[in-house]
Each structure stands twice: as structure tokens, then as C-alpha cells.
C-alpha atoms as a PDB file:
ATOM      1  CA  MET A   1     -53.474  -9.867 -53.116  1.00  0.00           C
ATOM      2  CA  ARG A   2     -52.469  -6.331 -52.660  1.00  0.00           C
ATOM      3  CA  ARG A   3     -48.797  -5.352 -51.988  1.00  0.00           C
ATOM      4  CA  THR A   4     -47.812  -2.624 -49.705  1.00  0.00           C
ATOM      5  CA  PRO A   5     -45.232  -0.289 -50.952  1.00  0.00           C
ATOM      6  CA  PHE A   6     -41.602  -0.717 -49.676  1.00  0.00           C
ATOM      7  CA  ALA A   7     -41.511   2.730 -47.947  1.00  0.00           C
ATOM      8  CA  ARG A   8     -44.679   1.858 -45.981  1.00  0.00           C
ATOM      9  CA  ARG A   9     -43.299  -1.533 -44.985  1.00  0.00           C
ATOM     10  CA  PHE A  10     -40.049   0.069 -43.766  1.00  0.00           C
ATOM     11  CA  PHE A  11     -41.883   2.612 -41.748  1.00  0.00           C
ATOM     12  CA  ILE A  12     -43.993  -0.166 -39.985  1.00  0.00           C
ATOM     13  CA  LEU A  13     -40.981  -2.070 -39.270  1.00  0.00           C
ATOM     14  CA  ALA A  14     -39.069   0.981 -37.913  1.00  0.00           C
ATOM     15  CA  VAL A  15     -42.029   1.812 -35.589  1.00  0.00           C
ATOM     16  CA  ALA A  16     -42.039  -1.808 -34.259  1.00  0.00           C
ATOM     17  CA  VAL A  17     -38.342  -1.768 -33.603  1.00  0.00           C
ATOM     18  CA  ALA A  18     -38.476   1.644 -31.887  1.00  0.00           C
ATOM     19  CA  THR A  19     -41.228   0.558 -29.478  1.00  0.00           C
ATOM     20  CA  ALA A  20     -39.364  -2.686 -28.611  1.00  0.00           C
ATOM     21  CA  ALA A  21     -36.033  -1.078 -28.360  1.00  0.00           C
ATOM     22  CA  PRO A  22     -36.318   0.605 -25.042  1.00  0.00           C
ATOM     23  CA  SER A  23     -37.186  -2.469 -23.119  1.00  0.00           C
ATOM     24  CA  LEU A  24     -34.389  -4.451 -24.923  1.00  0.00           C
ATOM     25  CA  ALA A  25     -31.994  -1.611 -23.974  1.00  0.00           C
ATOM     26  CA  ALA A  26     -33.121  -1.635 -20.381  1.00  0.00           C
ATOM     27  CA  GLN A  27     -32.491  -5.259 -20.042  1.00  0.00           C
ATOM     28  CA  ILE A  28     -28.979  -4.820 -21.365  1.00  0.00           C
ATOM     29  CA  VAL A  29     -28.256  -1.953 -19.139  1.00  0.00           C
ATOM     30  CA  ALA A  30     -29.805  -3.945 -16.161  1.00  0.00           C
ATOM     31  CA  ARG A  31     -27.565  -6.878 -16.907  1.00  0.00           C
ATOM     32  CA  GLU A  32     -24.496  -4.646 -16.985  1.00  0.00           C
ATOM     33  CA  VAL A  33     -25.351  -2.982 -13.696  1.00  0.00           C
ATOM     34  CA  ARG A  34     -25.996  -6.216 -11.917  1.00  0.00           C
ATOM     35  CA  LYS A  35     -22.407  -7.330 -11.467  1.00  0.00           C
ATOM     36  CA  PRO A  36     -21.734  -9.985  -8.818  1.00  0.00           C
ATOM     37  CA  ALA A  37     -20.616  -8.304  -5.570  1.00  0.00           C
ATOM     38  CA  THR A  38     -16.939  -9.061  -4.813  1.00  0.00           C
ATOM     39  CA  ALA A  39     -16.153 -10.009  -1.230  1.00  0.00           C
ATOM     40  CA  THR A  40     -13.894  -7.657   0.715  1.00  0.00           C
ATOM     41  CA  PRO A  41     -10.613  -9.329   1.448  1.00  0.00           C
ATOM     42  CA  ALA A  42      -9.781 -10.125   5.080  1.00  0.00           C
ATOM     43  CA  PRO A  43      -7.341  -7.701   6.704  1.00  0.00           C
ATOM     44  CA  LEU A  44      -3.821  -8.913   6.696  1.00  0.00           C
ATOM     45  CA  PRO A  45      -1.859  -9.509   9.908  1.00  0.00           C
ATOM     46  CA  ALA A  46       0.908  -7.132  10.942  1.00  0.00           C
ATOM     47  CA  PRO A  47       4.303  -8.051   9.880  1.00  0.00           C
ATOM     48  CA  ALA A  48       6.136 -10.025  12.548  1.00  0.00           C
ATOM     49  CA  ASN A  49       9.593  -9.914  14.161  1.00  0.00           C
ATOM     50  CA  PHE A  50      10.016  -6.198  13.223  1.00  0.00           C
ATOM     51  CA  THR A  51      13.467  -5.072  14.283  1.00  0.00           C
ATOM     52  CA  ALA A  52      15.658  -1.990  13.990  1.00  0.00           C
ATOM     53  CA  VAL A  53      19.364  -2.333  14.514  1.00  0.00           C
ATOM     54  CA  ARG A  54      22.278   0.345  14.122  1.00  0.00           C
ATOM     55  CA  ALA A  55      24.381  -0.598  11.220  1.00  0.00           C
ATOM     56  CA  ASN A  56      27.366   1.527   9.813  1.00  0.00           C
ATOM     57  CA  ASP A  57      25.904   5.020   9.225  1.00  0.00           C
ATOM     58  CA  GLY A  58      22.142   4.106   9.436  1.00  0.00           C
ATOM     59  CA  VAL A  59      19.524   1.753  10.836  1.00  0.00           C
ATOM     60  CA  GLN A  60      18.804  -1.725   9.266  1.00  0.00           C
ATOM     61  CA  LEU A  61      15.109  -2.623   9.462  1.00  0.00           C
ATOM     62  CA  HIS A  62      13.901  -6.281   9.177  1.00  0.00           C
ATOM     63  CA  TRP A  63      10.423  -7.898   9.421  1.00  0.00           C
ATOM     64  CA  GLY A  64       8.725 -11.230   8.592  1.00  0.00           C
ATOM     65  CA  THR A  65       6.710 -11.746   5.348  1.00  0.00           C
ATOM     66  CA  VAL A  66       3.013 -11.354   5.301  1.00  0.00           C
ATOM     67  CA  PRO A  67       1.036 -13.923   3.214  1.00  0.00           C
ATOM     68  CA  ASN A  68      -0.994 -12.347   0.392  1.00  0.00           C
ATOM     69  CA  ALA A  69       0.656  -8.876   0.807  1.00  0.00           C
ATOM     70  CA  THR A  70       1.988  -7.234  -2.433  1.00  0.00           C
ATOM     71  CA  GLY A  71       4.344  -4.791  -0.790  1.00  0.00           C
ATOM     72  CA  TYR A  72       5.338  -2.814   2.284  1.00  0.00           C
ATOM     73  CA  TRP A  73       5.273   0.916   3.337  1.00  0.00           C
ATOM     74  CA  LEU A  74       7.758   2.060   5.847  1.00  0.00           C
ATOM     75  CA  TYR A  75       7.414   5.053   8.205  1.00  0.00           C
ATOM     76  CA  ARG A  76       9.698   6.934  10.573  1.00  0.00           C
ATOM     77  CA  THR A  77       8.714   9.276  13.265  1.00  0.00           C
ATOM     78  CA  ALA A  78      11.743  11.207  14.709  1.00  0.00           C
ATOM     79  CA  GLU A  79      11.568  11.703  18.533  1.00  0.00           C
ATOM     80  CA  PRO A  80      10.550  13.707  20.383  1.00  0.00           C
ATOM     81  CA  ASN A  81       7.291  14.810  18.824  1.00  0.00           C
ATOM     82  CA  GLY A  82       8.362  14.542  15.177  1.00  0.00           C
ATOM     83  CA  LYS A  83       6.036  13.979  12.230  1.00  0.00           C
ATOM     84  CA  GLU A  84       5.633  10.663  10.665  1.00  0.00           C
ATOM     85  CA  ASP A  85       7.473  10.456   7.169  1.00  0.00           C
ATOM     86  CA  LEU A  86       6.993   7.599   4.575  1.00  0.00           C
ATOM     87  CA  ILE A  87      10.496   6.502   4.056  1.00  0.00           C
ATOM     88  CA  GLY A  88      10.134   3.475   1.955  1.00  0.00           C
ATOM     89  CA  ASN A  89       7.580   2.008  -0.512  1.00  0.00           C
ATOM     90  CA  LEU A  90       8.713  -1.708  -1.280  1.00  0.00           C
ATOM     91  CA  PRO A  91       6.450  -3.034  -4.022  1.00  0.00           C
ATOM     92  CA  THR A  92       7.313  -6.665  -3.729  1.00  0.00           C
ATOM     93  CA  VAL A  93       6.966  -9.099  -0.858  1.00  0.00           C
ATOM     94  CA  GLU A  94      10.404 -10.452  -1.368  1.00  0.00           C
ATOM     95  CA  SER A  95      11.742  -7.326   0.289  1.00  0.00           C
ATOM     96  CA  THR A  96      11.616  -7.789   3.967  1.00  0.00           C
ATOM     97  CA  ALA A  97      14.644  -5.376   4.792  1.00  0.00           C
ATOM     98  CA  PHE A  98      15.305  -1.789   4.465  1.00  0.00           C
ATOM     99  CA  PHE A  99      18.324   0.483   5.284  1.00  0.00           C
ATOM    100  CA  ASP A 100      17.480   3.990   6.448  1.00  0.00           C
ATOM    101  CA  ARG A 101      20.435   6.211   5.558  1.00  0.00           C
ATOM    102  CA  ASP A 102      18.624   9.353   6.454  1.00  0.00           C
ATOM    103  CA  TRP A 103      18.611   8.540  10.171  1.00  0.00           C
ATOM    104  CA  THR A 104      22.209   9.944  10.223  1.00  0.00           C
ATOM    105  CA  LYS A 105      20.711  13.484   9.856  1.00  0.00           C
ATOM    106  CA  THR A 106      19.256  13.334  13.321  1.00  0.00           C
ATOM    107  CA  LYS A 107      21.015  10.536  15.058  1.00  0.00           C
ATOM    108  CA  GLY A 108      18.367  10.595  17.622  1.00  0.00           C
ATOM    109  CA  SER A 109      15.782   8.154  18.689  1.00  0.00           C
ATOM    110  CA  ALA A 110      12.994   7.163  16.170  1.00  0.00           C
ATOM    111  CA  THR A 111       9.927   5.102  15.868  1.00  0.00           C
ATOM    112  CA  TYR A 112       9.597   2.978  12.783  1.00  0.00           C
ATOM    113  CA  ARG A 113       6.377   1.383  11.399  1.00  0.00           C
ATOM    114  CA  VAL A 114       5.798  -1.182   8.658  1.00  0.00           C
ATOM    115  CA  VAL A 115       2.535  -1.709   6.889  1.00  0.00           C
ATOM    116  CA  ALA A 116       1.643  -4.692   4.615  1.00  0.00           C
ATOM    117  CA  THR A 117      -0.050  -3.500   1.374  1.00  0.00           C
ATOM    118  CA  VAL A 118      -2.148  -5.097  -1.337  1.00  0.00           C
ATOM    119  CA  GLY A 119      -1.852  -3.037  -4.549  1.00  0.00           C
ATOM    120  CA  ASN A 120      -1.518   0.548  -3.672  1.00  0.00           C
ATOM    121  CA  ARG A 121      -3.556   0.472  -0.332  1.00  0.00           C
ATOM    122  CA  PRO A 122      -2.810  -0.531   3.216  1.00  0.00           C
ATOM    123  CA  ALA A 123      -4.196  -3.943   3.936  1.00  0.00           C
ATOM    124  CA  GLY A 124      -3.912  -4.539   7.538  1.00  0.00           C
ATOM    125  CA  SER A 125      -2.371  -3.803  10.789  1.00  0.00           C
ATOM    126  CA  SER A 126       1.133  -2.290  11.244  1.00  0.00           C
ATOM    127  CA  ALA A 127       4.041  -3.225  13.386  1.00  0.00           C
ATOM    128  CA  SER A 128       5.997  -0.634  15.259  1.00  0.00           C
ATOM    129  CA  VAL A 129       9.611  -0.648  16.785  1.00  0.00           C
ATOM    130  CA  ARG A 130      11.368   2.089  18.717  1.00  0.00           C
ATOM    131  CA  PHE A 131      15.007   2.644  17.811  1.00  0.00           C
ATOM    132  CA  VAL A 132      17.179   4.216  20.530  1.00  0.00           C
ATOM    133  CA  PRO A 133      20.823   4.672  19.354  1.00  0.00           C
ATOM    134  CA  PRO A 134      23.451   3.104  21.557  1.00  0.00           C
ATOM    135  CA  LEU A 135      25.449   5.312  23.670  1.00  0.00           C
ATOM    136  CA  GLU A 136      28.764   6.098  21.985  1.00  0.00           C
ATOM    137  CA  GLN A 137      31.265   6.502  24.834  1.00  0.00           C
ATOM    138  CA  LYS A 138      34.082   8.683  24.395  1.00  0.00           C
ATOM    139  CA  ILE A 139      37.056   7.382  26.354  1.00  0.00           C
ATOM    140  CA  ALA A 140      39.225  10.051  27.737  1.00  0.00           C
ATOM    141  CA  LEU A 141      42.870   9.007  27.786  1.00  0.00           C
ATOM    142  CA  PRO A 142      44.743   9.968  30.979  1.00  0.00           C
ATOM    143  CA  ALA A 143      47.310  12.722  30.476  1.00  0.00           C
ATOM    144  CA  VAL A 144      50.749  11.328  30.285  1.00  0.00           C
ATOM    145  CA  LYS A 145      53.560  13.319  31.650  1.00  0.00           C
ATOM    146  CA  ARG A 146      56.513  13.630  29.412  1.00  0.00           C
ATOM    147  CA  PRO A 147      60.036  13.797  30.765  1.00  0.00           C
END
């Protein structure tokens, strides 16, 4: 029985592994690529009962919770023809109220919008409410003649 030298046995083994390796590597890569498709979540409904009420020197906003939402974004559009500004990013669903102190800068009408979010992206419809400040009547006192 004749023995093959170690170097030659090692070379034959290395060639055999090299020819089998690409197909093995392709199988591993193919398994990694074929990840199960994740279903897109159903859109969330708009927050219900959205209200805006004048309170002290600002506007108090309230809305109902949205199931499966992780937060809310609040927008304000000053009227007439103002641009929409993000005024609040509430990261928890426990927050269903917001106080807009910046409204006092304009003291005019505004449209507010609230959007439910999942993570850091909007996940559904938005609810809007238009806020018109109440008329603040100035009462003129009658002139009193002094003796």
C-alpha cells in the first residue's frame, strides 16, 4: 500500500472544498435573502372627539386615544392662508391633550390637525378642528358727569 504525501493530500482536500464552497455559500445567502414577508399594518383611524378651546393665554387641544398608536403629531395652520407648522410631537399614547401657548402671538383663527403615529411615521388618517377665538367685547362705560 502506497501512502500519499501530506502536502498532496492537503491540496486534494483544499480543491474539493473550494469546488463545493460556492454552492454552499449560495445556499446560505439564499436562505438569508428569503426572509418572510411582513404584513403591512392596517391604517389607524383618525383620533376622535378632537376639540380646541380657549384657555388662559392659549388653546387647549383634546382628542380620543387611537388603539395601536404609539404617539401623535400636532399641526397648526394660521388663518388666512398660513403654512402648516408641526407644534407638537407627543411620543406616548397616554398624552391626549396639548396646550398651544404660541397661539397668543397671532390671536387669530387657526386650524389644528392631529395625526396618530406608529414609531416615527404617520399611521392613519388625521382629524382637524378649526379654532375661532371668541369675541372679546370691550364694554364702554357711560361718561359720568361730576358735580
